[in-house]
Protein backbone atom coordinates (compact mmCIF):
# COMPACT_ATOMS: atom_id res chain seq x y z
CA UNK A 1 130.47 169.42 89.87
CA UNK A 2 133.47 170.32 92.01
CA UNK A 3 136.21 167.67 91.97
CA UNK A 4 135.66 166.48 95.53
CA UNK A 5 132.95 167.61 97.95
CA UNK A 6 130.86 166.43 100.85
CA UNK A 7 127.63 164.45 101.00
CA UNK A 8 124.79 164.58 103.51
CA UNK A 9 122.31 161.86 104.40
CA UNK A 10 119.04 162.32 106.26
CA UNK A 11 116.13 160.10 107.30
CA UNK A 12 112.50 161.16 107.51
CA UNK A 13 109.10 159.87 108.57
CA UNK A 14 108.21 156.78 110.57
CA UNK A 15 111.20 154.50 111.21
CA UNK A 16 111.35 151.00 109.76
CA UNK A 17 113.27 147.85 110.45
CA UNK A 18 115.55 148.43 107.46
CA UNK A 19 115.86 152.21 106.98
CA UNK A 20 119.29 151.96 108.59
CA UNK A 21 120.28 149.31 106.07
CA UNK A 22 119.59 151.85 103.32
CA UNK A 23 121.66 154.39 105.22
CA UNK A 24 124.48 151.85 105.48
CA UNK A 25 124.41 151.37 101.72
CA UNK A 26 124.65 155.12 101.13
CA UNK A 27 127.40 155.65 103.70
CA UNK A 28 129.64 152.75 102.73
CA UNK A 29 129.34 153.46 99.01
CA UNK A 30 129.99 157.19 99.52
CA UNK A 31 133.04 156.58 101.70
CA UNK A 32 134.55 154.35 98.99
CA UNK A 33 134.09 157.05 96.36
CA UNK A 34 136.97 159.20 95.18
CA UNK A 35 134.53 162.04 94.44
CA UNK A 36 133.14 162.38 97.98
CA UNK A 37 135.29 163.70 100.79
CA UNK A 38 133.15 163.40 103.92
CA UNK A 39 129.69 162.06 104.70
CA UNK A 40 127.59 164.06 107.15
CA UNK A 41 124.43 163.03 108.97
CA UNK A 42 121.53 165.41 109.58
CA UNK A 43 120.10 164.73 113.02
CA UNK A 44 116.33 164.36 112.77
CA UNK A 45 115.91 164.67 109.04
CA UNK A 46 115.45 167.98 107.31
CA UNK A 47 115.12 169.64 110.72
CA UNK A 48 118.77 168.79 111.31
CA UNK A 49 119.69 170.65 108.13
CA UNK A 50 117.57 173.70 108.99
CA UNK A 51 119.04 173.83 112.50
CA UNK A 52 122.53 172.96 111.22
CA UNK A 53 122.56 170.03 113.61
CA UNK A 54 125.00 167.87 111.67
CA UNK A 55 127.61 165.26 112.59
CA UNK A 56 130.50 163.61 110.79
CA UNK A 57 129.61 160.03 109.88
CA UNK A 58 132.99 159.55 108.19
CA UNK A 59 134.64 159.63 111.61
CA UNK A 60 132.38 156.88 112.99
CA UNK A 61 133.81 153.41 113.55
CA UNK A 62 133.42 151.16 110.45
CA UNK A 63 132.03 148.36 112.62
CA UNK A 64 129.26 150.66 113.85
CA UNK A 65 128.41 151.68 110.30
CA UNK A 66 128.24 147.99 109.33
CA UNK A 67 126.02 147.32 112.36
CA UNK A 68 123.39 149.64 110.86
CA UNK A 69 122.20 146.58 108.91
CA UNK A 70 121.32 144.91 112.21
CA UNK A 71 119.74 147.91 113.95
CA UNK A 72 116.09 148.99 113.60
CA UNK A 73 114.57 152.49 113.55
CA UNK A 74 116.41 155.57 112.27
CA UNK A 75 119.91 155.77 113.77
CA UNK A 76 120.70 159.15 112.18
CA UNK A 77 117.44 160.55 113.55
CA UNK A 78 114.10 161.07 111.85
CA UNK A 79 111.36 163.68 111.94
CA UNK A 80 107.82 164.42 110.84
CA UNK A 81 108.35 167.87 109.45
CA UNK A 82 106.79 168.93 106.19
CA UNK A 83 108.21 171.97 104.50
CA UNK A 84 105.57 174.26 103.05
CA UNK A 85 105.41 175.17 99.38
CA UNK A 86 108.21 177.20 97.84
CA UNK A 87 105.96 180.27 97.71
CA UNK A 88 105.04 179.99 101.39
CA UNK A 89 108.44 179.14 102.78
CA UNK A 90 111.18 180.01 100.32
CA UNK A 91 113.34 181.14 103.23
CA UNK A 92 113.47 177.57 104.57
CA UNK A 93 114.67 176.21 101.25
CA UNK A 94 117.25 178.98 100.97
CA UNK A 95 118.37 178.16 104.49
CA UNK A 96 118.98 174.55 103.45
CA UNK A 97 121.19 175.67 100.59
CA UNK A 98 123.01 178.09 102.90
CA UNK A 99 123.87 175.20 105.22
CA UNK A 100 124.98 173.10 102.27
CA UNK A 101 127.23 175.92 101.02
CA UNK A 102 128.75 176.43 104.46
CA UNK A 103 129.78 172.80 104.67
CA UNK A 104 130.68 172.25 101.01
CA UNK A 105 127.81 169.76 100.55
CA UNK A 106 127.00 168.93 96.95
CA UNK A 107 125.30 165.52 97.37
CA UNK A 108 121.99 165.16 99.22
CA UNK A 109 120.57 161.69 99.94
CA UNK A 110 117.12 161.69 101.54
CA UNK A 111 115.59 158.44 102.80
CA UNK A 112 111.83 158.66 103.16
CA UNK A 113 108.38 158.55 101.60
CA UNK A 114 106.22 160.86 99.48
CA UNK A 115 106.70 164.00 101.56
CA UNK A 116 110.45 163.44 101.75
CA UNK A 117 110.69 163.07 97.99
CA UNK A 118 108.73 166.32 97.65
CA UNK A 119 111.23 168.09 99.92
CA UNK A 120 114.23 166.72 98.00
CA UNK A 121 112.60 167.74 94.73
CA UNK A 122 111.99 171.33 95.86
CA UNK A 123 115.52 171.70 97.25
CA UNK A 124 116.89 170.36 93.97
CA UNK A 125 114.86 172.80 91.88
CA UNK A 126 115.91 175.78 93.97
CA UNK A 127 119.55 174.74 93.68
CA UNK A 128 119.20 174.70 89.90
CA UNK A 129 117.46 178.09 89.87
CA UNK A 130 120.21 179.66 91.99
CA UNK A 131 123.10 177.98 90.17
CA UNK A 132 124.24 175.92 93.16
CA UNK A 133 125.69 172.56 92.14
CA UNK A 134 123.73 169.91 94.01
CA UNK A 135 122.76 166.31 93.32
CA UNK A 136 119.58 165.16 95.09
CA UNK A 137 118.73 161.45 95.15
CA UNK A 138 115.83 159.90 97.05
CA UNK A 139 115.95 156.49 98.71
CA UNK A 140 112.51 154.86 99.23
CA UNK A 141 111.25 154.06 102.70
CA UNK A 142 107.84 153.16 104.04
CA UNK A 143 106.24 150.20 105.71
CA UNK A 144 102.94 151.21 104.09
CA UNK A 145 104.27 150.10 100.68
CA UNK A 146 102.32 152.92 99.05
CA UNK A 147 105.04 154.71 97.06
CA UNK A 148 104.29 154.83 93.35
CA UNK A 149 106.75 153.77 90.64
CA UNK A 150 108.37 151.05 92.74
CA UNK A 151 107.29 147.40 92.87
CA UNK A 152 107.56 147.50 96.65
CA UNK A 153 109.22 149.61 99.34
CA UNK A 154 112.10 148.80 101.66
CA UNK A 155 110.55 148.23 105.07
CA UNK A 156 107.44 146.48 103.79
CA UNK A 157 108.85 142.96 103.64
CA UNK A 158 109.83 143.03 107.31
CA UNK A 159 106.55 144.49 108.59
CA UNK A 160 104.68 141.99 106.41
CA UNK A 161 106.61 139.13 107.97
CA UNK A 162 106.02 140.41 111.50
CA UNK A 163 102.30 140.97 110.94
CA UNK A 164 101.83 137.55 109.35
CA UNK A 165 103.45 135.73 112.26
CA UNK A 166 101.52 137.91 114.74
CA UNK A 167 98.31 136.78 113.05
CA UNK A 168 99.47 133.16 113.29
CA UNK A 169 100.24 133.51 117.00
CA UNK A 170 96.99 135.31 117.75
CA UNK A 171 95.17 132.56 115.90
CA UNK A 172 96.80 129.81 117.94
CA UNK A 173 95.92 131.62 121.17
CA UNK A 174 92.30 132.07 120.11
CA UNK A 175 92.05 128.47 118.93
CA UNK A 176 93.24 127.27 122.32
CA UNK A 177 90.76 129.35 124.34
CA UNK A 178 87.89 130.00 121.95
CA UNK A 179 85.29 128.94 124.51
CA UNK A 180 86.16 132.06 126.52
CA UNK A 181 88.08 134.44 124.24
CA UNK A 182 86.15 133.75 121.07
CA UNK A 183 87.28 136.66 118.93
CA UNK A 184 90.62 138.40 118.50
CA UNK A 185 90.97 141.62 116.54
CA UNK A 186 94.44 142.58 115.32
CA UNK A 187 94.87 146.25 114.39
CA UNK A 188 97.77 147.10 112.10
CA UNK A 189 99.17 150.25 110.52
CA UNK A 190 98.18 151.49 107.09
CA UNK A 191 96.81 154.98 106.56
CA UNK A 192 95.28 154.93 103.09
CA UNK A 193 96.56 151.62 101.77
CA UNK A 194 95.98 148.11 103.10
CA UNK A 195 99.26 146.46 102.17
CA UNK A 196 100.16 145.72 105.80
CA UNK A 197 96.77 144.28 106.68
CA UNK A 198 96.81 142.19 103.52
CA UNK A 199 100.15 140.67 104.58
CA UNK A 200 98.44 138.98 107.51
CA UNK A 201 96.75 136.75 104.96
CA UNK A 202 100.07 135.06 104.25
CA UNK A 203 99.57 133.23 107.55
CA UNK A 204 96.48 131.42 106.27
CA UNK A 205 97.91 128.28 104.66
CA UNK A 206 94.82 126.18 105.35
CA UNK A 207 91.12 127.21 105.61
CA UNK A 208 91.10 126.75 109.39
CA UNK A 209 94.18 128.96 109.85
CA UNK A 210 93.93 132.54 111.04
CA UNK A 211 93.11 135.22 110.16
CA UNK A 212 89.54 134.46 109.13
CA UNK A 213 88.76 138.01 108.05
CA UNK A 214 90.88 140.90 106.73
CA UNK A 215 89.61 144.43 106.09
CA UNK A 216 91.51 147.01 104.05
CA UNK A 217 91.04 150.77 103.56
CA UNK A 218 90.58 150.15 99.81
CA UNK A 219 87.08 148.77 100.46
CA UNK A 220 84.39 150.74 102.27
CA UNK A 221 83.64 149.13 105.62
CA UNK A 222 80.09 147.91 106.17
CA UNK A 223 78.98 147.14 109.70
CA UNK A 224 76.25 144.84 108.42
CA UNK A 225 78.67 142.85 106.29
CA UNK A 226 81.18 142.69 109.13
CA UNK A 227 78.58 141.23 111.50
CA UNK A 228 77.53 138.64 108.92
CA UNK A 229 81.16 137.76 108.17
CA UNK A 230 81.84 137.21 111.87
CA UNK A 231 78.74 135.05 112.30
CA UNK A 232 79.75 132.92 109.31
CA UNK A 233 83.29 132.44 110.66
CA UNK A 234 81.93 131.63 114.10
CA UNK A 235 79.59 129.02 112.63
CA UNK A 236 82.34 127.40 110.56
CA UNK A 237 85.31 127.54 112.95
CA UNK A 238 83.85 128.32 116.39
CA UNK A 239 86.18 131.31 116.68
CA UNK A 240 87.05 134.54 114.84
CA UNK A 241 90.37 136.25 114.15
CA UNK A 242 90.08 139.60 112.41
CA UNK A 243 92.84 141.81 110.98
CA UNK A 244 92.00 145.43 110.23
CA UNK A 245 93.99 148.34 108.84
CA UNK A 246 93.92 151.46 110.99
CA UNK A 247 92.68 153.55 108.05
CA UNK A 248 89.33 151.85 107.44
CA UNK A 249 86.70 154.17 105.98
CA UNK A 250 82.91 154.02 105.69
CA UNK A 251 80.89 154.28 102.48
CA UNK A 252 81.20 158.08 102.67
CA UNK A 253 84.98 157.92 102.79
CA UNK A 254 85.13 158.99 106.43
CA UNK A 255 87.82 157.44 108.63
CA UNK A 256 86.43 155.14 111.31
CA UNK A 257 88.12 155.58 114.70
CA UNK A 258 87.30 155.22 118.36
CA UNK A 259 87.38 159.03 118.57
CA UNK A 260 85.26 159.80 115.53
CA UNK A 261 85.03 163.53 114.96
CA UNK A 262 87.98 164.36 117.22
CA UNK A 263 91.07 164.13 115.04
CA UNK A 264 94.57 165.13 115.93
CA UNK A 265 96.93 165.72 113.04
CA UNK A 266 100.67 165.29 112.70
CA UNK A 267 102.97 167.91 111.21
CA UNK A 268 102.34 166.49 107.73
CA UNK A 269 98.64 167.29 108.16
CA UNK A 270 97.75 163.59 108.37
CA UNK A 271 94.97 162.45 110.69
CA UNK A 272 96.33 160.52 113.66
CA UNK A 273 94.70 157.14 113.25
CA UNK A 274 94.09 154.33 115.68
CA UNK A 275 91.29 152.72 117.63
CA UNK A 276 89.47 150.85 114.84
CA UNK A 277 89.96 147.60 116.74
CA UNK A 278 88.03 149.05 119.69
CA UNK A 279 85.18 149.95 117.34
CA UNK A 280 85.09 146.42 115.94
CA UNK A 281 85.36 144.90 119.41
CA UNK A 282 82.21 146.74 120.49
CA UNK A 283 80.37 145.59 117.37
CA UNK A 284 81.34 141.96 117.96
CA UNK A 285 80.22 142.11 121.58
CA UNK A 286 76.87 143.75 120.85
CA UNK A 287 75.93 142.32 117.45
CA UNK A 288 77.65 138.91 117.36
CA UNK A 289 77.34 138.20 121.07
CA UNK A 290 80.80 136.87 121.86
CA UNK A 291 83.78 138.21 123.77
CA UNK A 292 86.45 139.95 121.72
CA UNK A 293 90.01 140.99 122.53
CA UNK A 294 92.07 143.68 120.79
CA UNK A 295 95.72 143.43 119.83
CA UNK A 296 97.25 146.67 118.58
CA UNK A 297 100.76 146.08 117.29
CA UNK A 298 101.70 149.77 117.32
CA UNK A 299 105.28 150.74 116.61
CA UNK A 300 106.54 147.22 117.34
CA UNK A 301 105.54 146.15 113.83
CA UNK A 302 107.93 148.61 112.19
CA UNK A 303 110.97 147.98 114.42
CA UNK A 304 111.05 144.18 114.84
CA UNK A 305 114.67 143.61 113.85
CA UNK A 306 114.67 140.22 115.57
CA UNK A 307 112.30 138.92 112.89
CA UNK A 308 113.25 141.04 109.90
CA UNK A 309 113.16 139.74 106.34
CA UNK A 310 116.62 139.11 104.92
CA UNK A 311 115.28 139.98 101.48
CA UNK A 312 114.13 143.33 102.85
CA UNK A 313 117.46 144.09 104.53
CA UNK A 314 119.42 143.27 101.38
CA UNK A 315 117.16 145.28 99.08
CA UNK A 316 117.19 148.28 101.41
CA UNK A 317 120.98 148.21 101.36
CA UNK A 318 120.97 147.90 97.58
CA UNK A 319 118.76 151.00 97.24
CA UNK A 320 121.19 153.04 99.34
CA UNK A 321 124.20 151.78 97.44
CA UNK A 322 122.62 152.46 94.05
CA UNK A 323 121.61 155.97 95.13
CA UNK A 324 125.29 156.88 95.45
CA UNK A 325 126.29 155.11 92.26
CA UNK A 326 123.65 157.02 90.29
CA UNK A 327 124.60 160.32 91.92
CA UNK A 328 128.25 159.85 90.96
CA UNK A 329 127.18 159.00 87.41
CA UNK A 330 125.43 162.36 87.13
CA UNK A 331 121.85 161.30 87.81
CA UNK A 332 119.87 164.00 89.63
CA UNK A 333 116.33 164.60 90.85
CA UNK A 334 115.44 160.90 90.97
CA UNK A 335 114.45 158.26 93.51
CA UNK A 336 115.80 154.72 93.39
CA UNK A 337 113.07 152.13 92.76
CA UNK A 338 112.81 148.36 93.07
CA UNK A 339 111.97 146.55 89.85
CA UNK A 340 110.75 142.94 90.04
CA UNK A 341 112.05 140.80 87.20
CA UNK A 342 110.47 137.48 88.16
CA UNK A 343 108.62 135.73 90.97
CA UNK A 344 109.93 132.21 90.57
CA UNK A 345 112.79 132.39 91.06
CA UNK A 346 112.44 135.78 92.69
CA UNK A 347 114.67 138.38 91.06
CA UNK A 348 114.68 142.10 91.70
CA UNK A 349 116.82 144.95 90.44
CA UNK A 350 116.66 148.73 90.73
CA UNK A 351 115.42 151.56 88.56
CA UNK A 352 114.77 155.29 88.85
CA UNK A 353 111.72 157.53 89.15
CA UNK A 354 111.40 161.32 89.03
CA UNK A 355 111.18 162.80 92.54
CA UNK A 356 108.17 165.00 91.77
CA UNK A 357 106.29 162.03 90.27
CA UNK A 358 106.83 159.97 93.41
CA UNK A 359 105.81 162.89 95.64
CA UNK A 360 102.47 163.19 93.89
CA UNK A 361 101.72 159.49 93.53
CA UNK A 362 100.18 156.84 95.74
CA UNK A 363 99.93 153.08 95.28
CA UNK A 364 96.97 151.31 96.85
CA UNK A 365 96.24 147.60 96.95
CA UNK A 366 94.73 146.75 93.54
CA UNK A 367 91.37 144.97 93.29
CA UNK A 368 92.89 141.73 92.02
CA UNK A 369 94.73 141.33 95.33
CA UNK A 370 91.46 141.56 97.33
CA UNK A 371 88.89 138.76 97.34
CA UNK A 372 85.43 139.30 95.94
CA UNK A 373 83.81 139.53 99.37
CA UNK A 374 86.23 142.27 100.41
CA UNK A 375 87.27 140.42 103.57
CA UNK A 376 90.47 138.70 102.51
CA UNK A 377 93.25 138.40 99.93
CA UNK A 378 93.74 136.46 96.71
CA UNK A 379 96.41 134.00 95.63
CA UNK A 380 97.81 136.73 93.39
CA UNK A 381 98.65 138.79 96.47
CA UNK A 382 100.37 135.82 98.08
CA UNK A 383 102.52 135.40 94.97
CA UNK A 384 103.43 139.08 95.17
CA UNK A 385 104.22 139.27 98.88
CA UNK A 386 105.70 135.88 99.76
CA UNK A 387 109.16 136.50 98.20
CA UNK A 388 109.47 139.74 100.18
CA UNK A 389 109.36 138.06 103.59
CA UNK A 390 111.84 135.27 102.93
CA UNK A 391 115.06 134.80 104.87
CA UNK A 392 116.08 135.73 108.39
CA UNK A 393 118.20 138.82 108.90
CA UNK A 394 121.35 138.57 110.95
CA UNK A 395 121.01 139.93 114.48
CA UNK A 396 123.82 140.25 117.02
CA UNK A 397 122.78 138.74 120.37
CA UNK A 398 124.49 139.86 123.56
CA UNK A 399 125.49 137.73 126.52
CA UNK A 400 122.25 138.74 128.21
CA UNK A 401 120.27 137.08 125.43
CA UNK A 402 119.03 140.32 123.89
CA UNK A 403 119.88 141.97 120.56
CA UNK A 404 122.78 144.42 120.43
CA UNK A 405 122.08 147.59 118.44
CA UNK A 406 124.49 150.33 117.39
CA UNK A 407 124.46 154.01 118.28
CA UNK A 408 126.47 156.73 116.56
CA UNK A 409 129.07 158.61 118.61
CA UNK A 410 127.93 161.79 116.81
CA UNK A 411 130.91 164.10 116.49
CA UNK A 412 129.11 167.39 115.82
CA UNK A 413 130.13 169.76 113.06
CA UNK A 414 130.95 173.32 114.00
CA UNK A 415 128.05 175.58 113.14
CA UNK A 416 128.86 178.16 110.48
CA UNK A 417 125.45 179.74 109.86
CA UNK A 418 123.29 182.05 111.90
CA UNK A 419 120.85 180.42 114.32
CA UNK A 420 117.71 179.12 112.68
CA UNK A 421 114.54 180.85 113.85
């Protein structure tokens, strides 16, 4: 590796409450290093690299970089852009290396999920094949908590905390007005894995607490069972609070949505989910015979900095910091992981996983975290998830009573490559 060169950091996929905390860890650790000259940001993930839309993070104010820890979403800029295979789109990968060469970039830190790790892995392999010195390190990010080889993912603890308290609040509302609004259905994110929906179960400290029923994509949804579950809850408590993951499937493995058969897909090729709560609402009205309301948390659940988990913020920062430390120690082609050492007291450290292994893996909620009936969680899940939501993250509040978030000044780098087509 050259004695002193530049680093680039990019963010990809759906934003989270703490993805900026990971970025802060990368940036601050890189700036302190004697081996890294400047740190550049790629606006809107890998698209920013392809389009050579880069800015100098080193010139940003230190207080703004520090404020990343207290700012949700992706301050550098994210994207949903999946590069095709090397055979299909080798020119794109070569373009990335051309941009890196032009700006003397020899360290690449990519914060994201499976698809992002796949991109970093392919860029790394091409660099090796062409003899270009490049260190690629992945930093985990996803609220879905479905990345393999890591105990949990930065971003999950905060969404789990937000969803649990949302279930508590919805339960209190329903309990107060159950004679009129008898059923509340809370729809949460979670494409193939039910980690987010399961987190709502943390709110149920006592049998009469909400939610009464939780449905995860890991178990095939049965309309008949759902109706019976609702009738049982109604008989026991006089009200029903249901939490459902957006990716529920039937016994044939087909996704259940309000627009069944009419699927839009994002640029990753993923089906655009949503609307399961409307489906369940109709079932409750017709088959159970009570009024139901739908609460769809949407993007609020992944950007609720005002109620973020301090554990999550700190671990996200640690992952970013360790990414740089490993890179400077010569580690390459790996993603930083979180390794749980104990539950009580809770202790967690970091490890490493091969980028290509992470890209091809997926971690779903195991059976022992789901109750036998398939409509709730077990105590084992509570032991797993509870430490991740502890602590309240620091938030700067302005004179108007609202949070104050940072924004980069974004001093653009001069473009040195031909326009990207």
